[in-house]
Amino acid sequence: MGRPSLAEVRKSEILDAFAHCVARYGLEGSSLERVADQAGVKRSIIRHYIGNREDLVDALAERVAAQFQDHLASFVAGVSEQRRIKQLLDFLFPALPIESADSILVVEALIAAGDRYPKPRTLMLGYVEHLVDEITDQLRLAYPEATRPRCWNVAYGVVGICFNQESLSPLGLPKAYIKASRKCSEILIASLDG
């Protein structure tokens, strides 16, 4: 595999700068001028490699969604039948945060802007739907007697607990809160056994 093209490198640098700005100033406070300053380029370079502001928001959402999808695919590929539920909980509630506070702020900004930016809304919603479906499938494999709708409800509940935990993580919650999120998810999943 060859080296990445200059266009790929520039686009990545610009998206890194945009993500940094979004985490610091929010989506609306991340002007093209501010992003250009952070990237160390002229505003015209952003337009050349990515486009206008909406294109920049779309590109960031595409990048975030692709990273999430890759992470989920890696999890699904590594699931073992004997440890399925433990691996699922480890994936959703890792001992050490996988995402930085900045990454979480970027995702929250993209979600919050869903009413103004259709593509990020579609991408973020698509990821949530895919995540819930994958967890539903894992639960169905672990609890074959449970119906798909019941597994979907539990999967959605567990995802809700996970997302709530992630959204609060920039506060530096005590470990007791993290453990409680996982324990609540364990209780919810165990409800399928009966």
Protein backbone atom coordinates (compact mmCIF):
# COMPACT_ATOMS: atom_id res chain seq x y z
CA MET A 1 0.00 0.00 0.00
CA GLY A 2 1.42 3.35 -1.04
CA ARG A 3 1.68 6.56 0.86
CA PRO A 4 -1.50 8.63 1.20
CA SER A 5 -1.96 11.35 -1.38
CA LEU A 6 -1.50 15.01 -0.50
CA ALA A 7 -5.25 15.47 -0.85
CA GLU A 8 -5.90 12.72 1.73
CA VAL A 9 -3.33 14.18 4.12
CA ARG A 10 -4.71 17.73 3.77
CA LYS A 11 -8.30 16.56 4.19
CA SER A 12 -7.32 14.65 7.33
CA GLU A 13 -5.47 17.66 8.76
CA ILE A 14 -8.43 19.93 8.06
CA LEU A 15 -10.88 17.47 9.65
CA ASP A 16 -8.59 17.14 12.69
CA ALA A 17 -8.58 20.93 13.03
CA PHE A 18 -12.35 21.10 12.57
CA ALA A 19 -12.91 18.40 15.21
CA HIS A 20 -10.64 20.31 17.61
CA CYS A 21 -12.61 23.52 17.01
CA VAL A 22 -15.97 21.79 17.39
CA ALA A 23 -14.87 20.30 20.72
CA ARG A 24 -13.74 23.75 21.92
CA TYR A 25 -16.27 26.14 20.39
CA GLY A 26 -19.20 23.99 19.31
CA LEU A 27 -20.34 23.47 15.75
CA GLU A 28 -21.67 26.99 15.28
CA GLY A 29 -18.56 28.58 16.81
CA SER A 30 -16.26 26.70 14.44
CA SER A 31 -16.01 29.15 11.57
CA LEU A 32 -13.98 28.40 8.47
CA GLU A 33 -11.54 31.10 9.60
CA ARG A 34 -11.08 29.43 12.98
CA VAL A 35 -10.62 26.01 11.35
CA ALA A 36 -8.11 27.45 8.87
CA ASP A 37 -6.13 29.01 11.73
CA GLN A 38 -6.16 25.72 13.66
CA ALA A 39 -5.05 23.77 10.56
CA GLY A 40 -2.42 26.34 9.67
CA VAL A 41 -3.84 26.84 6.18
CA LYS A 42 -5.73 29.51 4.28
CA ARG A 43 -9.49 29.33 4.12
CA SER A 44 -9.23 28.73 0.36
CA ILE A 45 -7.37 25.47 1.08
CA ILE A 46 -10.37 24.21 3.06
CA ARG A 47 -12.64 25.06 0.16
CA HIS A 48 -10.26 23.38 -2.29
CA TYR A 49 -9.91 20.09 -0.40
CA ILE A 50 -13.32 19.79 1.26
CA GLY A 51 -15.69 22.54 0.15
CA ASN A 52 -18.03 24.88 1.99
CA ARG A 53 -19.10 24.73 5.62
CA GLU A 54 -21.85 22.18 5.01
CA ASP A 55 -19.36 19.96 3.15
CA LEU A 56 -17.01 20.26 6.13
CA VAL A 57 -19.75 19.20 8.57
CA ASP A 58 -20.72 16.32 6.28
CA ALA A 59 -17.10 15.17 5.97
CA LEU A 60 -16.63 15.20 9.73
CA ALA A 61 -19.83 13.19 10.21
CA GLU A 62 -18.68 10.69 7.56
CA ARG A 63 -15.37 10.29 9.35
CA VAL A 64 -16.98 9.82 12.78
CA ALA A 65 -19.56 7.33 11.44
CA ALA A 66 -16.84 5.34 9.64
CA GLN A 67 -14.74 5.16 12.82
CA PHE A 68 -17.77 3.95 14.80
CA GLN A 69 -18.62 1.36 12.15
CA ASP A 70 -15.02 0.08 12.11
CA HIS A 71 -14.99 -0.20 15.90
CA LEU A 72 -18.30 -2.10 15.88
CA ALA A 73 -17.15 -4.42 13.07
CA SER A 74 -13.98 -5.25 15.03
CA PHE A 75 -16.07 -6.11 18.06
CA VAL A 76 -18.48 -8.34 16.12
CA ALA A 77 -15.59 -10.13 14.38
CA GLY A 78 -13.98 -10.99 17.72
CA VAL A 79 -17.01 -12.23 19.67
CA SER A 80 -16.70 -15.74 21.08
CA GLU A 81 -19.74 -17.85 21.83
CA GLN A 82 -18.65 -18.63 25.39
CA ARG A 83 -17.93 -15.02 26.39
CA ARG A 84 -20.49 -13.18 24.23
CA ILE A 85 -22.24 -11.16 26.97
CA LYS A 86 -19.03 -10.28 28.82
CA GLN A 87 -17.43 -9.12 25.57
CA LEU A 88 -20.54 -7.12 24.72
CA LEU A 89 -20.45 -5.36 28.09
CA ASP A 90 -16.68 -4.80 27.79
CA PHE A 91 -17.27 -3.24 24.37
CA LEU A 92 -20.01 -0.91 25.62
CA PHE A 93 -18.48 -0.16 29.04
CA PRO A 94 -14.69 -0.40 28.71
CA ALA A 95 -12.58 -0.14 31.88
CA LEU A 96 -10.73 2.78 30.31
CA PRO A 97 -12.54 5.21 28.00
CA ILE A 98 -11.87 4.59 24.34
CA GLU A 99 -13.05 8.02 23.26
CA SER A 100 -11.56 11.25 24.51
CA ALA A 101 -13.75 13.98 25.96
CA ASP A 102 -13.14 15.94 22.75
CA SER A 103 -14.38 13.04 20.62
CA ILE A 104 -17.54 12.79 22.69
CA LEU A 105 -18.13 16.55 22.37
CA VAL A 106 -17.78 16.28 18.58
CA VAL A 107 -20.31 13.45 18.40
CA GLU A 108 -22.73 15.30 20.65
CA ALA A 109 -22.38 18.42 18.49
CA LEU A 110 -23.11 16.42 15.33
CA ILE A 111 -26.15 14.81 16.94
CA ALA A 112 -27.42 18.15 18.24
CA ALA A 113 -27.10 19.66 14.75
CA GLY A 114 -29.16 16.90 13.14
CA ASP A 115 -32.09 19.23 12.56
CA ARG A 116 -29.90 21.61 10.50
CA TYR A 117 -27.62 19.13 8.72
CA PRO A 118 -29.43 16.18 7.09
CA LYS A 119 -26.39 14.08 6.20
CA PRO A 120 -24.90 13.99 9.73
CA ARG A 121 -28.36 13.21 11.08
CA THR A 122 -28.70 10.30 8.65
CA LEU A 123 -25.20 9.02 9.42
CA MET A 124 -25.52 9.26 13.21
CA LEU A 125 -29.00 7.74 13.21
CA GLY A 126 -27.80 4.99 10.88
CA TYR A 127 -24.99 4.13 13.26
CA VAL A 128 -27.33 3.98 16.26
CA GLU A 129 -29.72 1.72 14.33
CA HIS A 130 -26.84 -0.51 13.23
CA LEU A 131 -25.47 -0.69 16.79
CA VAL A 132 -28.85 -1.61 18.28
CA ASP A 133 -29.37 -4.24 15.56
CA GLU A 134 -25.92 -5.78 16.15
CA ILE A 135 -26.50 -5.92 19.90
CA THR A 136 -29.95 -7.40 19.28
CA ASP A 137 -28.30 -10.12 17.15
CA GLN A 138 -25.75 -10.85 19.90
CA LEU A 139 -28.50 -11.08 22.50
CA ARG A 140 -30.54 -13.39 20.26
CA LEU A 141 -27.52 -15.69 19.99
CA ALA A 142 -27.02 -15.67 23.76
CA TYR A 143 -30.75 -16.01 24.56
CA PRO A 144 -32.32 -18.00 21.70
CA GLU A 145 -35.63 -18.39 23.59
CA ALA A 146 -36.13 -14.60 23.75
CA THR A 147 -38.05 -13.01 20.90
CA ARG A 148 -36.38 -10.55 18.58
CA PRO A 149 -38.61 -7.63 19.71
CA ARG A 150 -37.74 -8.35 23.35
CA CYS A 151 -34.02 -8.52 22.52
CA TRP A 152 -34.32 -5.28 20.54
CA ASN A 153 -35.91 -3.52 23.54
CA VAL A 154 -33.13 -4.71 25.84
CA ALA A 155 -30.49 -3.77 23.25
CA TYR A 156 -31.93 -0.28 22.94
CA GLY A 157 -32.04 0.10 26.73
CA VAL A 158 -28.40 -0.97 27.05
CA VAL A 159 -27.36 1.42 24.27
CA GLY A 160 -29.23 4.21 26.06
CA ILE A 161 -27.34 3.47 29.28
CA CYS A 162 -24.06 3.37 27.36
CA PHE A 163 -24.70 6.66 25.56
CA ASN A 164 -25.75 8.35 28.78
CA GLN A 165 -22.54 7.15 30.44
CA GLU A 166 -20.45 8.43 27.53
CA SER A 167 -22.21 11.79 27.45
CA LEU A 168 -21.43 12.31 31.14
CA SER A 169 -17.82 11.10 30.94
CA PRO A 170 -16.36 14.60 30.36
CA LEU A 171 -17.46 15.32 33.95
CA GLY A 172 -14.98 12.73 35.22
CA LEU A 173 -17.63 10.64 36.96
CA PRO A 174 -16.54 8.49 39.89
CA LYS A 175 -15.94 4.82 39.08
CA ALA A 176 -19.08 3.92 41.05
CA TYR A 177 -21.19 5.52 38.30
CA ILE A 178 -19.39 3.59 35.59
CA LYS A 179 -19.85 0.34 37.51
CA ALA A 180 -23.53 1.15 38.07
CA SER A 181 -24.08 1.67 34.33
CA ARG A 182 -22.59 -1.71 33.58
CA LYS A 183 -24.52 -3.39 36.42
CA CYS A 184 -27.83 -1.90 35.21
CA SER A 185 -27.06 -3.26 31.74
CA GLU A 186 -26.25 -6.69 33.18
CA ILE A 187 -29.60 -6.71 35.01
CA LEU A 188 -31.44 -5.66 31.86
CA ILE A 189 -29.72 -8.36 29.78
CA ALA A 190 -30.35 -11.02 32.45
CA SER A 191 -34.08 -10.23 32.17
CA LEU A 192 -33.98 -12.13 28.84
CA ASP A 193 -33.32 -15.36 30.76
CA GLY A 194 -36.85 -16.16 31.68
